[in-house]
N, C-alpha and C. Protein backbone atom coordinates (compact mmCIF):
# COMPACT_ATOMS: atom_id res chain seq x y z
N MET A 1 109.54 51.60 104.10
CA MET A 1 109.64 51.22 105.49
C MET A 1 109.69 52.49 106.34
N GLY A 2 108.84 52.57 107.33
CA GLY A 2 108.81 53.74 108.20
C GLY A 2 109.97 53.75 109.18
N HIS A 3 110.27 54.93 109.71
CA HIS A 3 111.38 55.08 110.63
C HIS A 3 111.18 54.25 111.89
N GLU A 4 109.95 54.02 112.34
CA GLU A 4 109.71 53.25 113.54
C GLU A 4 110.13 51.80 113.34
N ASN A 5 109.82 51.22 112.19
CA ASN A 5 110.23 49.85 111.92
C ASN A 5 111.74 49.77 111.73
N PHE A 6 112.30 50.72 111.00
CA PHE A 6 113.73 50.70 110.71
C PHE A 6 114.56 50.81 111.98
N TYR A 7 114.18 51.73 112.87
CA TYR A 7 114.94 51.96 114.10
C TYR A 7 114.42 51.14 115.28
N GLN A 8 113.36 50.39 115.09
CA GLN A 8 112.79 49.49 116.09
C GLN A 8 112.39 50.20 117.38
N PHE A 9 111.56 51.22 117.25
CA PHE A 9 110.94 51.85 118.40
C PHE A 9 109.60 52.42 117.97
N LYS A 10 108.77 52.75 118.93
CA LYS A 10 107.44 53.27 118.66
C LYS A 10 107.35 54.69 119.19
N LEU A 11 106.92 55.63 118.33
CA LEU A 11 106.73 57.01 118.75
C LEU A 11 105.35 57.15 119.39
N SER A 12 105.26 58.00 120.40
CA SER A 12 104.01 58.09 121.15
C SER A 12 103.17 59.33 120.83
N PHE A 13 103.75 60.37 120.27
CA PHE A 13 103.00 61.60 120.00
C PHE A 13 102.09 61.44 118.79
N PRO A 14 100.86 61.94 118.85
CA PRO A 14 99.96 61.84 117.70
C PRO A 14 100.24 62.88 116.62
N SER A 15 100.76 64.07 116.99
CA SER A 15 100.98 65.13 116.01
C SER A 15 102.31 64.94 115.29
N LEU A 16 102.38 65.43 114.04
CA LEU A 16 103.63 65.34 113.28
C LEU A 16 104.75 66.10 113.98
N LYS A 17 104.42 67.29 114.50
CA LYS A 17 105.41 68.09 115.20
C LYS A 17 105.96 67.32 116.41
N GLY A 18 105.08 66.74 117.19
CA GLY A 18 105.50 65.97 118.35
C GLY A 18 106.33 64.76 117.98
N ARG A 19 105.93 64.09 116.91
CA ARG A 19 106.66 62.89 116.47
C ARG A 19 108.05 63.26 115.93
N PHE A 20 108.13 64.40 115.24
CA PHE A 20 109.43 64.87 114.73
C PHE A 20 110.38 65.14 115.89
N ARG A 21 109.89 65.85 116.89
CA ARG A 21 110.71 66.15 118.07
C ARG A 21 111.10 64.86 118.78
N GLU A 22 110.13 63.99 118.97
CA GLU A 22 110.41 62.72 119.65
C GLU A 22 111.42 61.88 118.87
N LEU A 23 111.30 61.85 117.55
CA LEU A 23 112.24 61.10 116.71
C LEU A 23 113.66 61.62 116.90
N ILE A 24 113.83 62.92 116.90
CA ILE A 24 115.15 63.51 117.12
C ILE A 24 115.71 63.09 118.47
N GLU A 25 114.92 63.21 119.51
CA GLU A 25 115.39 62.88 120.86
C GLU A 25 115.70 61.39 121.01
N VAL A 26 114.81 60.53 120.49
CA VAL A 26 115.00 59.09 120.61
C VAL A 26 116.26 58.63 119.87
N LEU A 27 116.47 59.15 118.66
CA LEU A 27 117.65 58.76 117.89
C LEU A 27 118.93 59.25 118.56
N CYS A 28 118.89 60.45 119.10
CA CYS A 28 120.06 60.99 119.81
C CYS A 28 120.40 60.10 121.00
N GLU A 29 119.39 59.71 121.75
CA GLU A 29 119.60 58.87 122.91
C GLU A 29 120.04 57.45 122.52
N LYS A 30 119.38 56.89 121.52
CA LYS A 30 119.68 55.52 121.09
C LYS A 30 121.12 55.37 120.61
N TYR A 31 121.60 56.35 119.84
CA TYR A 31 122.94 56.25 119.25
C TYR A 31 123.98 57.07 120.00
N ASP A 32 123.55 57.75 121.06
CA ASP A 32 124.45 58.57 121.88
C ASP A 32 125.28 59.53 121.02
N GLN A 33 124.59 60.13 120.05
CA GLN A 33 125.21 61.11 119.16
C GLN A 33 124.18 62.18 118.82
N LYS A 34 124.66 63.37 118.50
CA LYS A 34 123.76 64.40 118.01
C LYS A 34 123.28 64.03 116.62
N ILE A 35 122.12 64.55 116.26
CA ILE A 35 121.43 64.17 115.04
C ILE A 35 121.67 65.19 113.92
N VAL A 36 121.75 64.70 112.70
CA VAL A 36 121.82 65.53 111.50
C VAL A 36 120.45 65.48 110.84
N VAL A 37 119.88 66.63 110.54
CA VAL A 37 118.58 66.70 109.87
C VAL A 37 118.81 67.28 108.48
N LEU A 38 118.34 66.56 107.46
CA LEU A 38 118.44 66.99 106.07
C LEU A 38 117.03 67.21 105.55
N ILE A 39 116.75 68.42 105.08
CA ILE A 39 115.43 68.74 104.54
C ILE A 39 115.63 69.24 103.11
N ASP A 40 115.09 68.49 102.17
CA ASP A 40 115.21 68.85 100.75
C ASP A 40 113.90 69.50 100.30
N GLU A 41 114.02 70.61 99.58
CA GLU A 41 112.87 71.34 99.03
C GLU A 41 111.86 71.68 100.13
N TYR A 42 112.35 72.37 101.16
CA TYR A 42 111.53 72.71 102.32
C TYR A 42 110.24 73.45 101.95
N ASN A 43 110.24 74.14 100.83
CA ASN A 43 109.10 74.98 100.47
C ASN A 43 108.24 74.41 99.34
N LYS A 44 108.49 73.17 98.93
CA LYS A 44 107.76 72.58 97.81
C LYS A 44 106.25 72.54 98.05
N PRO A 45 105.75 72.16 99.23
CA PRO A 45 104.29 72.16 99.42
C PRO A 45 103.66 73.54 99.21
N ILE A 46 104.38 74.58 99.57
CA ILE A 46 103.87 75.94 99.36
C ILE A 46 103.86 76.26 97.87
N LEU A 47 104.96 75.99 97.20
CA LEU A 47 105.06 76.30 95.77
C LEU A 47 104.07 75.50 94.94
N ASP A 48 103.79 74.26 95.35
CA ASP A 48 102.81 73.44 94.64
C ASP A 48 101.40 74.03 94.74
N ASN A 49 101.18 74.90 95.70
CA ASN A 49 99.86 75.49 95.92
C ASN A 49 99.86 77.01 95.80
N ILE A 50 100.86 77.55 95.14
CA ILE A 50 101.01 79.00 95.04
C ILE A 50 99.82 79.65 94.31
N HIS A 51 99.17 78.91 93.44
CA HIS A 51 98.00 79.42 92.72
C HIS A 51 96.75 79.45 93.60
N ARG A 52 96.84 78.87 94.79
CA ARG A 52 95.73 78.88 95.76
C ARG A 52 96.25 79.52 97.04
N PRO A 53 96.28 80.85 97.10
CA PRO A 53 96.91 81.57 98.21
C PRO A 53 96.44 81.16 99.60
N GLU A 54 95.15 80.88 99.75
CA GLU A 54 94.66 80.51 101.08
C GLU A 54 95.23 79.16 101.52
N VAL A 55 95.36 78.23 100.59
CA VAL A 55 95.93 76.92 100.89
C VAL A 55 97.43 77.06 101.15
N ALA A 56 98.11 77.84 100.32
CA ALA A 56 99.55 78.07 100.50
C ALA A 56 99.82 78.68 101.86
N PHE A 57 98.97 79.62 102.29
CA PHE A 57 99.14 80.25 103.60
C PHE A 57 98.97 79.22 104.72
N GLU A 58 97.95 78.37 104.61
CA GLU A 58 97.74 77.32 105.63
C GLU A 58 98.93 76.37 105.70
N ILE A 59 99.43 76.00 104.55
CA ILE A 59 100.60 75.09 104.50
C ILE A 59 101.81 75.78 105.11
N ARG A 60 102.01 77.05 104.79
CA ARG A 60 103.14 77.79 105.35
C ARG A 60 103.06 77.81 106.87
N GLU A 61 101.89 78.06 107.41
CA GLU A 61 101.73 78.10 108.86
C GLU A 61 102.00 76.74 109.49
N GLU A 62 101.54 75.67 108.84
CA GLU A 62 101.79 74.32 109.37
C GLU A 62 103.27 73.96 109.29
N LEU A 63 103.92 74.31 108.19
CA LEU A 63 105.35 74.05 108.07
C LEU A 63 106.15 74.86 109.08
N LYS A 64 105.74 76.10 109.29
CA LYS A 64 106.40 76.95 110.28
C LYS A 64 106.32 76.30 111.66
N ASN A 65 105.16 75.79 111.99
CA ASN A 65 104.95 75.07 113.25
C ASN A 65 105.83 73.82 113.31
N PHE A 66 105.87 73.06 112.22
CA PHE A 66 106.65 71.82 112.15
C PHE A 66 108.15 72.12 112.29
N TYR A 67 108.64 73.11 111.54
CA TYR A 67 110.07 73.42 111.57
C TYR A 67 110.50 74.09 112.87
N SER A 68 109.56 74.60 113.66
CA SER A 68 109.91 75.20 114.96
C SER A 68 110.53 74.17 115.89
N VAL A 69 110.30 72.91 115.63
CA VAL A 69 110.91 71.83 116.41
C VAL A 69 112.43 71.96 116.41
N LEU A 70 112.99 72.42 115.30
CA LEU A 70 114.44 72.48 115.17
C LEU A 70 115.08 73.42 116.20
N LYS A 71 114.43 74.52 116.51
CA LYS A 71 114.98 75.44 117.50
C LYS A 71 114.98 74.81 118.89
N ASP A 72 113.87 74.20 119.25
CA ASP A 72 113.77 73.57 120.57
C ASP A 72 114.66 72.33 120.69
N ALA A 73 114.97 71.70 119.57
CA ALA A 73 115.77 70.47 119.58
C ALA A 73 117.27 70.75 119.47
N ASP A 74 117.67 72.00 119.51
CA ASP A 74 119.07 72.37 119.31
C ASP A 74 120.06 71.52 120.12
N PRO A 75 119.80 71.19 121.38
CA PRO A 75 120.77 70.38 122.13
C PRO A 75 121.00 68.99 121.54
N TYR A 76 120.07 68.51 120.71
CA TYR A 76 120.16 67.17 120.13
C TYR A 76 120.72 67.18 118.71
N LEU A 77 120.96 68.37 118.14
CA LEU A 77 121.31 68.48 116.74
C LEU A 77 122.79 68.79 116.52
N LYS A 78 123.40 68.04 115.61
CA LYS A 78 124.77 68.36 115.19
C LYS A 78 124.71 69.48 114.16
N PHE A 79 123.86 69.30 113.14
CA PHE A 79 123.59 70.37 112.18
C PHE A 79 122.33 70.02 111.40
N VAL A 80 121.80 71.04 110.74
CA VAL A 80 120.62 70.90 109.90
C VAL A 80 120.98 71.49 108.54
N PHE A 81 120.68 70.76 107.48
CA PHE A 81 120.94 71.23 106.12
C PHE A 81 119.61 71.28 105.39
N ILE A 82 119.24 72.47 104.93
CA ILE A 82 117.94 72.70 104.32
C ILE A 82 118.13 73.23 102.91
N THR A 83 117.43 72.63 101.94
CA THR A 83 117.47 73.13 100.58
C THR A 83 116.08 73.58 100.14
N GLY A 84 116.04 74.51 99.21
CA GLY A 84 114.79 74.98 98.63
C GLY A 84 115.10 76.05 97.60
N VAL A 85 114.12 76.32 96.76
CA VAL A 85 114.36 77.29 95.69
C VAL A 85 114.07 78.72 96.12
N SER A 86 113.33 78.90 97.20
CA SER A 86 113.04 80.25 97.71
C SER A 86 113.99 80.57 98.84
N LYS A 87 114.45 81.80 98.87
CA LYS A 87 115.30 82.23 99.97
C LYS A 87 114.50 82.15 101.27
N PHE A 88 115.05 81.47 102.27
CA PHE A 88 114.27 81.20 103.47
C PHE A 88 113.80 82.45 104.20
N SER A 89 114.52 83.56 104.07
CA SER A 89 114.07 84.78 104.75
C SER A 89 112.81 85.35 104.10
N LYS A 90 112.56 85.02 102.84
CA LYS A 90 111.38 85.52 102.14
C LYS A 90 110.13 84.70 102.46
N VAL A 91 110.30 83.46 102.88
CA VAL A 91 109.17 82.56 103.12
C VAL A 91 108.70 82.63 104.57
N SER A 92 109.54 83.07 105.47
CA SER A 92 109.21 83.24 106.89
C SER A 92 108.86 81.94 107.60
N LEU A 93 109.41 80.84 107.18
CA LEU A 93 109.17 79.57 107.86
C LEU A 93 110.09 79.38 109.05
N PHE A 94 111.22 80.05 109.02
CA PHE A 94 112.25 79.80 110.02
C PHE A 94 112.51 80.99 110.92
N SER A 95 111.49 81.82 111.14
CA SER A 95 111.69 83.02 111.93
C SER A 95 112.13 82.71 113.35
N GLY A 96 111.80 81.51 113.85
CA GLY A 96 112.21 81.13 115.19
C GLY A 96 113.66 80.70 115.27
N LEU A 97 114.27 80.44 114.14
CA LEU A 97 115.67 79.99 114.13
C LEU A 97 116.57 81.19 113.93
N ASN A 98 117.55 81.34 114.78
CA ASN A 98 118.39 82.53 114.70
C ASN A 98 119.82 82.23 114.27
N ASN A 99 120.14 81.00 113.94
CA ASN A 99 121.51 80.69 113.56
C ASN A 99 121.59 80.06 112.17
N LEU A 100 120.75 80.53 111.26
CA LEU A 100 120.79 80.04 109.89
C LEU A 100 121.88 80.75 109.10
N GLU A 101 122.52 80.01 108.23
CA GLU A 101 123.54 80.59 107.36
C GLU A 101 123.21 80.20 105.93
N ASN A 102 123.07 81.17 105.06
CA ASN A 102 122.77 80.93 103.66
C ASN A 102 124.07 80.62 102.92
N LEU A 103 124.19 79.38 102.42
CA LEU A 103 125.40 78.94 101.74
C LEU A 103 125.30 79.08 100.22
N ARG A 104 124.19 79.60 99.76
CA ARG A 104 123.85 79.62 98.34
C ARG A 104 124.98 80.10 97.45
N LEU A 105 125.62 81.21 97.77
CA LEU A 105 126.66 81.75 96.91
C LEU A 105 128.05 81.70 97.55
N SER A 106 128.20 80.93 98.59
CA SER A 106 129.49 80.81 99.26
C SER A 106 130.45 79.98 98.41
N PRO A 107 131.65 80.52 98.10
CA PRO A 107 132.61 79.76 97.30
C PRO A 107 132.99 78.42 97.93
N SER A 108 132.96 78.33 99.24
CA SER A 108 133.32 77.08 99.92
C SER A 108 132.31 75.97 99.64
N TYR A 109 131.09 76.34 99.30
CA TYR A 109 130.03 75.34 99.08
C TYR A 109 129.49 75.38 97.65
N ALA A 110 130.23 75.96 96.74
CA ALA A 110 129.75 76.16 95.37
C ALA A 110 129.35 74.84 94.70
N THR A 111 130.18 73.83 94.82
CA THR A 111 129.90 72.57 94.14
C THR A 111 128.65 71.90 94.68
N ILE A 112 128.53 71.84 96.00
CA ILE A 112 127.36 71.19 96.60
C ILE A 112 126.08 71.95 96.27
N CYS A 113 126.17 73.25 96.06
CA CYS A 113 124.99 74.05 95.72
C CYS A 113 124.77 74.12 94.21
N GLY A 114 125.64 73.52 93.42
CA GLY A 114 125.42 73.46 91.98
C GLY A 114 126.07 74.59 91.20
N TYR A 115 126.90 75.39 91.86
CA TYR A 115 127.58 76.48 91.16
C TYR A 115 129.04 76.12 90.98
N THR A 116 129.46 75.95 89.73
CA THR A 116 130.85 75.58 89.49
C THR A 116 131.63 76.65 88.74
N GLN A 117 130.95 77.66 88.26
CA GLN A 117 131.65 78.75 87.56
C GLN A 117 131.19 80.07 88.12
């Protein structure tokens, strides 16, 4: 079931980037709360195409464009939680975001990140 049917509204933007931004704004307005965005394996499309550098580069650029929505949507966001196997500073997808915190080795988040010893 798509988000439009589930939340009972219609998005108007044709681009994925526009629809992502609109979804964040509409949900924030509809529920009168800031939005939480969870992104699992943010870099999987790139890694799936790592053997084809030109395709991986195109995907990286598109994802960079898509994820740039998060910076502009800051007033609507409570927090964003992003997971992936590559350190985000090495992939350069989030260069527009300036308030990222790497929790990978933080003792406070060890269990949620899979580190227990």
